Amino acid sequence: MSLEHLTEFEKRVKEDRSLQEKLKDAKCEGCVISVAEDEGLTITEEEVKGLVTDSGNQSGMNAILEYWNGHR
């Protein structure tokens, strides 16, 4: 399901500079979802919004937030 995809996306973001750059350009949750979809992964808008609201509780997901400027 998409939680596994979210975890995989976070792992790829940590390792891939081009993904980090794409996230820096992402302006909204939909843009983050599009970046993940380009990687063959499915995540939902609710999961992306959850990263922002629950970032303190979701260990490891901070790599996505670190590079995604749209959440600020």
N, C-alpha and C. Protein backbone atom coordinates (compact mmCIF):
# COMPACT_ATOMS: atom_id res chain seq x y z
N MET A 1 0.86 -1.19 0.00
CA MET A 1 0.00 0.00 0.00
C MET A 1 0.89 1.23 0.00
N SER A 2 0.32 2.38 0.11
CA SER A 2 1.08 3.60 -0.09
C SER A 2 2.02 3.93 1.06
N LEU A 3 1.81 3.39 2.26
CA LEU A 3 2.76 3.65 3.34
C LEU A 3 4.13 3.08 2.99
N GLU A 4 4.13 1.91 2.38
CA GLU A 4 5.39 1.33 1.92
C GLU A 4 6.01 2.22 0.84
N HIS A 5 5.16 2.77 -0.02
CA HIS A 5 5.65 3.65 -1.07
C HIS A 5 6.21 4.94 -0.47
N LEU A 6 5.56 5.44 0.56
CA LEU A 6 6.04 6.65 1.23
C LEU A 6 7.41 6.40 1.84
N THR A 7 7.58 5.25 2.47
CA THR A 7 8.86 4.89 3.06
C THR A 7 9.93 4.73 1.98
N GLU A 8 9.57 4.10 0.88
CA GLU A 8 10.51 3.93 -0.23
C GLU A 8 10.87 5.28 -0.85
N PHE A 9 9.89 6.15 -1.00
CA PHE A 9 10.14 7.49 -1.54
C PHE A 9 11.11 8.25 -0.65
N GLU A 10 10.89 8.19 0.64
CA GLU A 10 11.78 8.86 1.59
C GLU A 10 13.21 8.33 1.45
N LYS A 11 13.36 7.02 1.31
CA LYS A 11 14.68 6.41 1.14
C LYS A 11 15.35 6.92 -0.13
N ARG A 12 14.59 6.96 -1.21
CA ARG A 12 15.14 7.44 -2.48
C ARG A 12 15.54 8.91 -2.41
N VAL A 13 14.72 9.70 -1.73
CA VAL A 13 15.03 11.13 -1.59
C VAL A 13 16.36 11.32 -0.88
N LYS A 14 16.59 10.53 0.16
CA LYS A 14 17.85 10.62 0.90
C LYS A 14 19.05 10.36 0.01
N GLU A 15 18.88 9.47 -0.97
CA GLU A 15 20.00 8.99 -1.78
C GLU A 15 20.15 9.70 -3.12
N ASP A 16 19.14 10.39 -3.60
CA ASP A 16 19.13 10.88 -4.98
C ASP A 16 19.03 12.41 -5.02
N ARG A 17 20.12 13.02 -5.45
CA ARG A 17 20.18 14.48 -5.51
C ARG A 17 19.15 15.07 -6.47
N SER A 18 18.87 14.38 -7.56
CA SER A 18 17.89 14.90 -8.52
C SER A 18 16.49 14.92 -7.91
N LEU A 19 16.16 13.92 -7.10
CA LEU A 19 14.87 13.94 -6.39
C LEU A 19 14.83 15.07 -5.37
N GLN A 20 15.93 15.31 -4.71
CA GLN A 20 16.00 16.41 -3.75
C GLN A 20 15.72 17.74 -4.46
N GLU A 21 16.29 17.91 -5.64
CA GLU A 21 16.07 19.14 -6.41
C GLU A 21 14.61 19.27 -6.85
N LYS A 22 14.02 18.14 -7.28
CA LYS A 22 12.61 18.17 -7.68
C LYS A 22 11.72 18.57 -6.51
N LEU A 23 12.03 18.07 -5.32
CA LEU A 23 11.23 18.44 -4.15
C LEU A 23 11.40 19.91 -3.81
N LYS A 24 12.59 20.44 -4.01
CA LYS A 24 12.80 21.87 -3.75
C LYS A 24 11.91 22.72 -4.64
N ASP A 25 11.63 22.23 -5.85
CA ASP A 25 10.78 22.96 -6.79
C ASP A 25 9.29 22.72 -6.57
N ALA A 26 8.94 21.71 -5.79
CA ALA A 26 7.53 21.38 -5.56
C ALA A 26 6.85 22.47 -4.75
N LYS A 27 5.72 22.93 -5.22
CA LYS A 27 5.01 24.04 -4.58
C LYS A 27 3.81 23.60 -3.74
N CYS A 28 3.39 22.35 -3.89
CA CYS A 28 2.18 21.90 -3.19
C CYS A 28 2.24 20.38 -2.99
N GLU A 29 1.28 19.87 -2.26
CA GLU A 29 1.22 18.43 -2.01
C GLU A 29 1.12 17.66 -3.32
N GLY A 30 0.33 18.18 -4.26
CA GLY A 30 0.17 17.51 -5.55
C GLY A 30 1.48 17.40 -6.30
N CYS A 31 2.33 18.40 -6.16
CA CYS A 31 3.64 18.37 -6.81
C CYS A 31 4.52 17.28 -6.20
N VAL A 32 4.46 17.11 -4.90
CA VAL A 32 5.22 16.05 -4.23
C VAL A 32 4.71 14.68 -4.71
N ILE A 33 3.41 14.56 -4.82
CA ILE A 33 2.81 13.31 -5.31
C ILE A 33 3.28 13.03 -6.73
N SER A 34 3.34 14.05 -7.56
CA SER A 34 3.80 13.87 -8.94
C SER A 34 5.25 13.40 -9.00
N VAL A 35 6.09 13.94 -8.13
CA VAL A 35 7.49 13.51 -8.07
C VAL A 35 7.54 12.03 -7.70
N ALA A 36 6.74 11.63 -6.71
CA ALA A 36 6.71 10.22 -6.31
C ALA A 36 6.19 9.35 -7.45
N GLU A 37 5.15 9.81 -8.14
CA GLU A 37 4.59 9.04 -9.25
C GLU A 37 5.61 8.86 -10.36
N ASP A 38 6.43 9.88 -10.60
CA ASP A 38 7.49 9.76 -11.61
C ASP A 38 8.47 8.65 -11.25
N GLU A 39 8.53 8.33 -9.96
CA GLU A 39 9.40 7.25 -9.47
C GLU A 39 8.66 5.91 -9.42
N GLY A 40 7.41 5.90 -9.89
CA GLY A 40 6.62 4.67 -9.88
C GLY A 40 6.00 4.36 -8.54
N LEU A 41 5.89 5.37 -7.68
CA LEU A 41 5.35 5.19 -6.33
C LEU A 41 4.04 5.94 -6.18
N THR A 42 3.15 5.40 -5.37
CA THR A 42 1.85 6.01 -5.15
C THR A 42 1.75 6.45 -3.69
N ILE A 43 1.60 7.76 -3.50
CA ILE A 43 1.34 8.30 -2.16
C ILE A 43 0.14 9.22 -2.28
N THR A 44 -0.53 9.44 -1.18
CA THR A 44 -1.75 10.24 -1.21
C THR A 44 -1.49 11.65 -0.67
N GLU A 45 -2.41 12.54 -0.99
CA GLU A 45 -2.32 13.91 -0.48
C GLU A 45 -2.40 13.90 1.04
N GLU A 46 -3.23 13.03 1.59
CA GLU A 46 -3.36 12.94 3.04
C GLU A 46 -2.04 12.52 3.69
N GLU A 47 -1.32 11.63 3.05
CA GLU A 47 -0.02 11.21 3.60
C GLU A 47 0.98 12.36 3.55
N VAL A 48 0.97 13.11 2.46
CA VAL A 48 1.88 14.25 2.36
C VAL A 48 1.52 15.29 3.41
N LYS A 49 0.23 15.58 3.56
CA LYS A 49 -0.19 16.53 4.60
C LYS A 49 0.17 15.99 5.98
N GLY A 50 0.09 14.68 6.17
CA GLY A 50 0.45 14.06 7.44
C GLY A 50 1.92 14.23 7.76
N LEU A 51 2.75 14.28 6.73
CA LEU A 51 4.18 14.52 6.97
C LEU A 51 4.39 15.85 7.66
N VAL A 52 3.62 16.84 7.23
CA VAL A 52 3.77 18.18 7.79
C VAL A 52 3.22 18.23 9.21
N THR A 53 2.03 17.69 9.42
CA THR A 53 1.40 17.79 10.73
C THR A 53 1.98 16.82 11.75
N ASP A 54 2.48 15.67 11.28
CA ASP A 54 2.99 14.64 12.19
C ASP A 54 4.50 14.45 12.07
N SER A 55 5.20 15.42 11.51
CA SER A 55 6.63 15.21 11.23
C SER A 55 7.41 14.82 12.47
N GLY A 56 7.01 15.29 13.62
CA GLY A 56 7.71 14.92 14.83
C GLY A 56 7.48 13.48 15.23
N ASN A 57 6.38 12.90 14.73
CA ASN A 57 6.03 11.53 15.10
C ASN A 57 6.41 10.50 14.04
N GLN A 58 6.81 10.94 12.86
CA GLN A 58 7.13 10.01 11.79
C GLN A 58 8.63 10.02 11.56
N SER A 59 9.33 9.24 12.31
CA SER A 59 10.78 9.21 12.17
C SER A 59 11.15 8.76 10.77
N GLY A 60 12.18 9.39 10.24
CA GLY A 60 12.66 9.04 8.93
C GLY A 60 12.02 9.80 7.79
N MET A 61 10.84 10.35 7.99
CA MET A 61 10.17 11.05 6.91
C MET A 61 10.66 12.48 6.77
N ASN A 62 11.52 12.91 7.66
CA ASN A 62 12.00 14.28 7.60
C ASN A 62 12.83 14.57 6.36
N ALA A 63 13.36 13.56 5.70
CA ALA A 63 14.14 13.79 4.48
C ALA A 63 13.27 14.43 3.41
N ILE A 64 12.03 14.00 3.31
CA ILE A 64 11.12 14.60 2.35
C ILE A 64 10.87 16.05 2.73
N LEU A 65 10.56 16.29 3.99
CA LEU A 65 10.29 17.66 4.44
C LEU A 65 11.53 18.54 4.33
N GLU A 66 12.69 17.97 4.55
CA GLU A 66 13.92 18.73 4.49
C GLU A 66 14.11 19.37 3.12
N TYR A 67 13.72 18.67 2.08
CA TYR A 67 13.93 19.18 0.73
C TYR A 67 12.70 19.85 0.14
N TRP A 68 11.53 19.56 0.68
CA TRP A 68 10.31 20.14 0.13
C TRP A 68 10.03 21.49 0.79
N ASN A 69 10.20 22.54 0.04
CA ASN A 69 9.99 23.90 0.56
C ASN A 69 8.52 24.28 0.60
N GLY A 70 7.66 23.58 -0.12
CA GLY A 70 6.26 23.93 -0.19
C GLY A 70 5.50 23.78 1.11
N HIS A 71 6.06 23.05 2.06
CA HIS A 71 5.35 22.82 3.32
C HIS A 71 5.53 23.97 4.29
N ARG A 72 6.40 24.90 3.98
CA ARG A 72 6.66 26.00 4.91
C ARG A 72 5.75 27.17 4.68
